[in-house]
C-alpha atoms as a PDB file:
ATOM      1  CA  MET A   1      80.853 -42.492 -44.045  1.00  0.00           C
ATOM      2  CA  PRO A   2      77.725 -44.423 -43.079  1.00  0.00           C
ATOM      3  CA  GLY A   3      76.509 -47.261 -45.269  1.00  0.00           C
ATOM      4  CA  ASP A   4      73.139 -47.147 -47.059  1.00  0.00           C
ATOM      5  CA  HIS A   5      71.471 -49.192 -44.370  1.00  0.00           C
ATOM      6  CA  ASP A   6      72.159 -46.258 -42.004  1.00  0.00           C
ATOM      7  CA  LEU A   7      70.463 -43.733 -44.300  1.00  0.00           C
ATOM      8  CA  LEU A   8      67.837 -45.545 -46.256  1.00  0.00           C
ATOM      9  CA  SER A   9      65.185 -48.181 -45.249  1.00  0.00           C
ATOM     10  CA  PRO A  10      62.846 -50.140 -47.631  1.00  0.00           C
ATOM     11  CA  LEU A  11      59.627 -48.458 -48.475  1.00  0.00           C
ATOM     12  CA  THR A  12      56.384 -49.703 -49.832  1.00  0.00           C
ATOM     13  CA  LEU A  13      58.054 -50.712 -52.427  1.00  0.00           C
ATOM     14  CA  SER A  14      55.903 -50.046 -55.399  1.00  0.00           C
ATOM     15  CA  SER A  15      52.596 -49.375 -53.723  1.00  0.00           C
ATOM     16  CA  ARG A  16      51.416 -45.760 -54.078  1.00  0.00           C
ATOM     17  CA  ASP A  17      49.666 -45.522 -50.760  1.00  0.00           C
ATOM     18  CA  GLY A  18      52.085 -47.349 -48.420  1.00  0.00           C
ATOM     19  CA  VAL A  19      51.967 -50.882 -47.005  1.00  0.00           C
ATOM     20  CA  LYS A  20      48.854 -51.503 -44.861  1.00  0.00           C
ATOM     21  CA  ARG A  21      48.714 -54.265 -42.283  1.00  0.00           C
ATOM     22  CA  GLU A  22      46.121 -56.775 -43.561  1.00  0.00           C
ATOM     23  CA  ARG A  23      44.040 -59.469 -41.727  1.00  0.00           C
ATOM     24  CA  ALA A  24      45.044 -62.911 -42.668  1.00  0.00           C
ATOM     25  CA  ASP A  25      41.886 -63.405 -44.741  1.00  0.00           C
ATOM     26  CA  ALA A  26      42.476 -60.203 -46.503  1.00  0.00           C
ATOM     27  CA  ALA A  27      45.969 -61.203 -47.312  1.00  0.00           C
ATOM     28  CA  ARG A  28      44.788 -64.485 -48.724  1.00  0.00           C
ATOM     29  CA  ASN A  29      42.207 -62.743 -50.787  1.00  0.00           C
ATOM     30  CA  ARG A  30      44.729 -60.326 -52.163  1.00  0.00           C
ATOM     31  CA  GLN A  31      46.967 -63.246 -53.116  1.00  0.00           C
ATOM     32  CA  ILE A  32      44.116 -64.974 -55.040  1.00  0.00           C
ATOM     33  CA  LEU A  33      43.568 -61.864 -57.055  1.00  0.00           C
ATOM     34  CA  LEU A  34      47.297 -61.478 -57.792  1.00  0.00           C
ATOM     35  CA  GLU A  35      47.530 -65.173 -58.743  1.00  0.00           C
ATOM     36  CA  ALA A  36      44.568 -64.704 -61.091  1.00  0.00           C
ATOM     37  CA  ALA A  37      46.332 -61.612 -62.636  1.00  0.00           C
ATOM     38  CA  GLY A  38      49.472 -63.609 -63.042  1.00  0.00           C
ATOM     39  CA  ARG A  39      47.774 -66.306 -65.004  1.00  0.00           C
ATOM     40  CA  ILE A  40      46.183 -63.711 -67.307  1.00  0.00           C
ATOM     41  CA  LEU A  41      49.705 -62.181 -67.946  1.00  0.00           C
ATOM     42  CA  ARG A  42      51.190 -65.585 -68.529  1.00  0.00           C
ATOM     43  CA  ASP A  43      48.536 -67.025 -70.866  1.00  0.00           C
ATOM     44  CA  LYS A  44      47.280 -63.851 -72.679  1.00  0.00           C
ATOM     45  CA  GLY A  45      49.625 -61.150 -72.220  1.00  0.00           C
ATOM     46  CA  ILE A  46      49.514 -57.458 -70.884  1.00  0.00           C
ATOM     47  CA  ASP A  47      46.725 -56.467 -73.317  1.00  0.00           C
ATOM     48  CA  ALA A  48      44.345 -58.879 -71.628  1.00  0.00           C
ATOM     49  CA  LEU A  49      45.064 -57.645 -68.182  1.00  0.00           C
ATOM     50  CA  SER A  50      41.970 -55.659 -66.775  1.00  0.00           C
ATOM     51  CA  MET A  51      39.977 -55.416 -63.557  1.00  0.00           C
ATOM     52  CA  ASP A  52      37.117 -57.278 -65.159  1.00  0.00           C
ATOM     53  CA  ALA A  53      39.355 -60.022 -66.475  1.00  0.00           C
ATOM     54  CA  VAL A  54      40.854 -60.539 -63.020  1.00  0.00           C
ATOM     55  CA  ALA A  55      37.541 -60.684 -61.368  1.00  0.00           C
ATOM     56  CA  ALA A  56      36.398 -63.321 -63.828  1.00  0.00           C
ATOM     57  CA  GLU A  57      39.500 -65.329 -63.568  1.00  0.00           C
ATOM     58  CA  ALA A  58      39.334 -65.308 -59.682  1.00  0.00           C
ATOM     59  CA  GLY A  59      35.561 -65.962 -59.593  1.00  0.00           C
ATOM     60  CA  VAL A  60      34.733 -62.788 -57.605  1.00  0.00           C
ATOM     61  CA  GLY A  61      32.761 -59.603 -58.130  1.00  0.00           C
ATOM     62  CA  ILE A  62      34.369 -56.648 -59.931  1.00  0.00           C
ATOM     63  CA  GLY A  63      33.886 -54.588 -56.778  1.00  0.00           C
ATOM     64  CA  THR A  64      36.209 -56.814 -54.846  1.00  0.00           C
ATOM     65  CA  VAL A  65      39.089 -56.164 -57.248  1.00  0.00           C
ATOM     66  CA  TYR A  66      38.480 -52.380 -57.210  1.00  0.00           C
ATOM     67  CA  ARG A  67      38.242 -52.323 -53.475  1.00  0.00           C
ATOM     68  CA  ARG A  68      41.581 -54.215 -53.124  1.00  0.00           C
ATOM     69  CA  PHE A  69      43.642 -52.288 -55.778  1.00  0.00           C
ATOM     70  CA  GLY A  70      41.856 -49.175 -56.700  1.00  0.00           C
ATOM     71  CA  ASP A  71      42.503 -49.216 -60.330  1.00  0.00           C
ATOM     72  CA  LEU A  72      44.597 -51.004 -62.912  1.00  0.00           C
ATOM     73  CA  GLN A  73      47.586 -48.998 -61.928  1.00  0.00           C
ATOM     74  CA  GLY A  74      47.222 -50.150 -58.461  1.00  0.00           C
ATOM     75  CA  LEU A  75      47.075 -53.771 -59.516  1.00  0.00           C
ATOM     76  CA  ALA A  76      50.168 -53.320 -61.718  1.00  0.00           C
ATOM     77  CA  TYR A  77      52.047 -51.876 -58.813  1.00  0.00           C
ATOM     78  CA  ALA A  78      50.973 -54.867 -56.686  1.00  0.00           C
ATOM     79  CA  LEU A  79      52.218 -57.264 -59.325  1.00  0.00           C
ATOM     80  CA  ILE A  80      55.690 -55.717 -59.349  1.00  0.00           C
ATOM     81  CA  ASP A  81      55.917 -55.330 -55.711  1.00  0.00           C
ATOM     82  CA  ASP A  82      58.018 -58.491 -54.903  1.00  0.00           C
ATOM     83  CA  GLN A  83      60.607 -57.490 -57.554  1.00  0.00           C
ATOM     84  CA  GLU A  84      60.687 -54.013 -56.116  1.00  0.00           C
ATOM     85  CA  ARG A  85      61.327 -55.518 -52.666  1.00  0.00           C
ATOM     86  CA  GLU A  86      64.219 -57.498 -53.884  1.00  0.00           C
ATOM     87  CA  PHE A  87      65.670 -54.581 -55.722  1.00  0.00           C
ATOM     88  CA  GLN A  88      65.449 -52.308 -52.773  1.00  0.00           C
ATOM     89  CA  ALA A  89      67.108 -54.866 -50.489  1.00  0.00           C
ATOM     90  CA  ALA A  90      69.924 -55.419 -52.954  1.00  0.00           C
ATOM     91  CA  PHE A  91      70.863 -51.648 -53.286  1.00  0.00           C
ATOM     92  CA  ILE A  92      70.408 -50.787 -49.656  1.00  0.00           C
ATOM     93  CA  SER A  93      72.119 -53.802 -48.011  1.00  0.00           C
ATOM     94  CA  GLY A  94      73.134 -56.389 -50.662  1.00  0.00           C
ATOM     95  CA  PRO A  95      76.550 -57.340 -51.786  1.00  0.00           C
ATOM     96  CA  PRO A  96      78.638 -54.953 -53.894  1.00  0.00           C
ATOM     97  CA  PRO A  97      78.745 -53.475 -56.468  1.00  0.00           C
ATOM     98  CA  LEU A  98      75.100 -52.677 -56.223  1.00  0.00           C
ATOM     99  CA  GLY A  99      75.177 -52.828 -52.352  1.00  0.00           C
ATOM    100  CA  PRO A 100      77.415 -51.098 -49.852  1.00  0.00           C
ATOM    101  CA  GLY A 101      81.181 -51.644 -50.124  1.00  0.00           C
ATOM    102  CA  ALA A 102      81.885 -50.541 -53.709  1.00  0.00           C
ATOM    103  CA  PRO A 103      82.928 -47.018 -54.831  1.00  0.00           C
ATOM    104  CA  PRO A 104      79.922 -44.894 -55.462  1.00  0.00           C
ATOM    105  CA  GLN A 105      80.370 -44.575 -59.244  1.00  0.00           C
ATOM    106  CA  GLU A 106      80.492 -48.428 -59.540  1.00  0.00           C
ATOM    107  CA  ARG A 107      77.378 -48.654 -57.447  1.00  0.00           C
ATOM    108  CA  LEU A 108      75.676 -46.128 -59.649  1.00  0.00           C
ATOM    109  CA  CYS A 109      76.491 -48.067 -62.935  1.00  0.00           C
ATOM    110  CA  ALA A 110      75.403 -51.235 -61.101  1.00  0.00           C
ATOM    111  CA  PHE A 111      72.129 -49.733 -60.161  1.00  0.00           C
ATOM    112  CA  LEU A 112      71.285 -48.661 -63.708  1.00  0.00           C
ATOM    113  CA  ARG A 113      72.211 -52.046 -65.110  1.00  0.00           C
ATOM    114  CA  ARG A 114      70.064 -53.965 -62.553  1.00  0.00           C
ATOM    115  CA  TYR A 115      67.146 -51.522 -63.413  1.00  0.00           C
ATOM    116  CA  VAL A 116      67.551 -52.476 -67.074  1.00  0.00           C
ATOM    117  CA  ASP A 117      67.307 -56.171 -66.047  1.00  0.00           C
ATOM    118  CA  ARG A 118      64.129 -55.384 -64.284  1.00  0.00           C
ATOM    119  CA  LEU A 119      62.766 -53.687 -67.374  1.00  0.00           C
ATOM    120  CA  THR A 120      63.731 -56.655 -69.523  1.00  0.00           C
ATOM    121  CA  GLU A 121      61.562 -58.802 -67.342  1.00  0.00           C
ATOM    122  CA  GLN A 122      58.533 -56.542 -66.564  1.00  0.00           C
ATOM    123  CA  ALA A 123      58.607 -53.456 -68.782  1.00  0.00           C
ATOM    124  CA  GLU A 124      55.078 -53.802 -70.002  1.00  0.00           C
ATOM    125  CA  LEU A 125      53.687 -54.187 -66.483  1.00  0.00           C
ATOM    126  CA  MET A 126      55.866 -51.377 -65.191  1.00  0.00           C
ATOM    127  CA  ALA A 127      54.607 -49.224 -68.050  1.00  0.00           C
ATOM    128  CA  THR A 128      51.072 -49.820 -66.904  1.00  0.00           C
ATOM    129  CA  ALA A 129      51.962 -48.972 -63.418  1.00  0.00           C
ATOM    130  CA  GLU A 130      53.745 -45.692 -64.461  1.00  0.00           C
ATOM    131  CA  ASN A 131      50.781 -44.183 -66.238  1.00  0.00           C
ATOM    132  CA  GLY A 132      50.542 -40.506 -65.822  1.00  0.00           C
ATOM    133  CA  ASP A 133      52.512 -39.118 -62.870  1.00  0.00           C
ATOM    134  CA  ALA A 134      51.942 -42.243 -60.676  1.00  0.00           C
ATOM    135  CA  ARG A 135      55.645 -43.206 -60.993  1.00  0.00           C
ATOM    136  CA  TYR A 136      56.801 -40.065 -59.294  1.00  0.00           C
ATOM    137  CA  ARG A 137      54.366 -40.244 -56.492  1.00  0.00           C
ATOM    138  CA  SER A 138      55.255 -43.697 -55.611  1.00  0.00           C
ATOM    139  CA  GLY A 139      57.386 -44.641 -52.571  1.00  0.00           C
ATOM    140  CA  ALA A 140      59.709 -46.827 -54.735  1.00  0.00           C
ATOM    141  CA  TYR A 141      60.686 -43.921 -57.120  1.00  0.00           C
ATOM    142  CA  ASN A 142      61.368 -41.525 -54.160  1.00  0.00           C
ATOM    143  CA  LEU A 143      63.604 -44.169 -52.446  1.00  0.00           C
ATOM    144  CA  GLN A 144      65.500 -44.862 -55.754  1.00  0.00           C
ATOM    145  CA  ARG A 145      65.975 -41.065 -56.234  1.00  0.00           C
ATOM    146  CA  GLN A 146      67.200 -40.644 -52.776  1.00  0.00           C
ATOM    147  CA  HIS A 147      69.709 -43.546 -53.249  1.00  0.00           C
ATOM    148  CA  LEU A 148      71.010 -42.107 -56.558  1.00  0.00           C
ATOM    149  CA  ALA A 149      71.228 -38.538 -55.184  1.00  0.00           C
ATOM    150  CA  MET A 150      73.276 -39.834 -52.255  1.00  0.00           C
ATOM    151  CA  LEU A 151      75.759 -41.739 -54.573  1.00  0.00           C
ATOM    152  CA  ILE A 152      76.174 -38.697 -56.813  1.00  0.00           C
ATOM    153  CA  THR A 153      76.801 -36.437 -53.944  1.00  0.00           C
ATOM    154  CA  GLN A 154      79.389 -38.963 -52.576  1.00  0.00           C
ATOM    155  CA  ILE A 155      81.008 -38.773 -55.986  1.00  0.00           C
ATOM    156  CA  ASP A 156      81.089 -34.909 -56.132  1.00  0.00           C
ATOM    157  CA  PRO A 157      79.411 -32.934 -53.436  1.00  0.00           C
ATOM    158  CA  GLU A 158      79.235 -29.914 -55.918  1.00  0.00           C
ATOM    159  CA  ARG A 159      76.794 -31.783 -58.138  1.00  0.00           C
ATOM    160  CA  ASP A 160      73.018 -31.306 -57.855  1.00  0.00           C
ATOM    161  CA  GLY A 161      72.327 -34.834 -56.692  1.00  0.00           C
ATOM    162  CA  GLY A 162      68.524 -34.604 -56.709  1.00  0.00           C
ATOM    163  CA  TYR A 163      68.278 -33.184 -60.185  1.00  0.00           C
ATOM    164  CA  LEU A 164      70.782 -35.592 -61.664  1.00  0.00           C
ATOM    165  CA  ALA A 165      68.933 -38.523 -60.006  1.00  0.00           C
ATOM    166  CA  ASP A 166      65.710 -37.590 -61.695  1.00  0.00           C
ATOM    167  CA  ALA A 167      67.572 -37.186 -64.978  1.00  0.00           C
ATOM    168  CA  LEU A 168      69.004 -40.630 -64.714  1.00  0.00           C
ATOM    169  CA  LEU A 169      65.663 -42.238 -63.607  1.00  0.00           C
ATOM    170  CA  ALA A 170      63.985 -40.440 -66.490  1.00  0.00           C
ATOM    171  CA  VAL A 171      65.882 -42.582 -69.131  1.00  0.00           C
ATOM    172  CA  LEU A 172      64.783 -45.730 -67.148  1.00  0.00           C
ATOM    173  CA  SER A 173      61.144 -45.077 -67.924  1.00  0.00           C
ATOM    174  CA  ALA A 174      59.383 -48.329 -68.975  1.00  0.00           C
ATOM    175  CA  ARG A 175      57.620 -46.639 -71.771  1.00  0.00           C
ATOM    176  CA  LEU A 176      60.944 -45.339 -73.238  1.00  0.00           C
ATOM    177  CA  TYR A 177      62.534 -48.697 -72.819  1.00  0.00           C
ATOM    178  CA  LEU A 178      59.681 -50.337 -74.673  1.00  0.00           C
ATOM    179  CA  HIS A 179      60.120 -47.767 -77.478  1.00  0.00           C
ATOM    180  CA  GLN A 180      63.781 -48.355 -77.643  1.00  0.00           C
ATOM    181  CA  ARG A 181      63.494 -51.932 -77.777  1.00  0.00           C
ATOM    182  CA  ALA A 182      60.653 -52.485 -80.133  1.00  0.00           C
ATOM    183  CA  GLY A 183      60.406 -49.132 -82.106  1.00  0.00           C
ATOM    184  CA  LEU A 184      64.216 -48.432 -82.425  1.00  0.00           C
ATOM    185  CA  GLU A 185      65.351 -52.177 -82.145  1.00  0.00           C
ATOM    186  CA  MET A 186      68.036 -51.286 -79.674  1.00  0.00           C
ATOM    187  CA  THR A 187      69.611 -54.125 -77.832  1.00  0.00           C
ATOM    188  CA  VAL A 188      70.046 -54.428 -74.151  1.00  0.00           C
ATOM    189  CA  GLU A 189      73.801 -54.279 -74.598  1.00  0.00           C
ATOM    190  CA  ARG A 190      73.462 -51.048 -76.384  1.00  0.00           C
ATOM    191  CA  LEU A 191      71.300 -49.622 -73.761  1.00  0.00           C
ATOM    192  CA  ASN A 192      73.731 -50.507 -70.923  1.00  0.00           C
ATOM    193  CA  ALA A 193      76.569 -49.029 -72.947  1.00  0.00           C
ATOM    194  CA  GLY A 194      74.605 -45.791 -73.402  1.00  0.00           C
ATOM    195  CA  LEU A 195      73.930 -45.652 -69.761  1.00  0.00           C
ATOM    196  CA  ASP A 196      77.516 -46.050 -68.882  1.00  0.00           C
ATOM    197  CA  GLN A 197      78.403 -43.199 -71.285  1.00  0.00           C
ATOM    198  CA  LEU A 198      75.658 -41.131 -69.643  1.00  0.00           C
ATOM    199  CA  VAL A 199      77.127 -41.713 -66.230  1.00  0.00           C
ATOM    200  CA  ARG A 200      80.570 -40.571 -67.574  1.00  0.00           C
ATOM    201  CA  GLY A 201      79.012 -37.397 -69.013  1.00  0.00           C
ATOM    202  CA  VAL A 202      77.095 -36.642 -65.799  1.00  0.00           C
ATOM    203  CA  ILE A 203      79.857 -37.417 -63.288  1.00  0.00           C
ATOM    204  CA  GLY A 204      82.891 -36.714 -65.417  1.00  0.00           C
END
């Protein structure tokens, strides 16, 4: 059976519109804006993040920020892009159990646990990026879905891999994670244990 690297290749990662080649000066300007947004998040938190705030922090006009990112969701996607790149590289061609070489059920559980790790670090930012149906239109979501569907089909070809992949990703919603952690006071350990139970129920 071919490895993941024969079937999948990294996408845009989190960008909704795909990666566009940038001139060197445009790339530098984009980095300046992302660094400004990062300082706002570090110093003031997610509630202070806005297009106006980024423009003021970077010392540019608001139009520059909108032209670069489109809206706040686009900015949020750009801010989580590096982590998404690392995550994709890990499950496509990294070491097992997340990457190729481990049995598919172990890889499936490793994927879910690593996703929880990502939520622990960036749930508020990911929730901003996921507003509305943006999550499902992103290249990152579709690659994740394709990967999980492949693993589920490897475990049992009779399963509906696409549907079950959507079902598993649904419980990894950043907004649900924030509710579970803050509203329901669930621990990360409980979330991971619940995901393991869910996989056993789905796969058998």
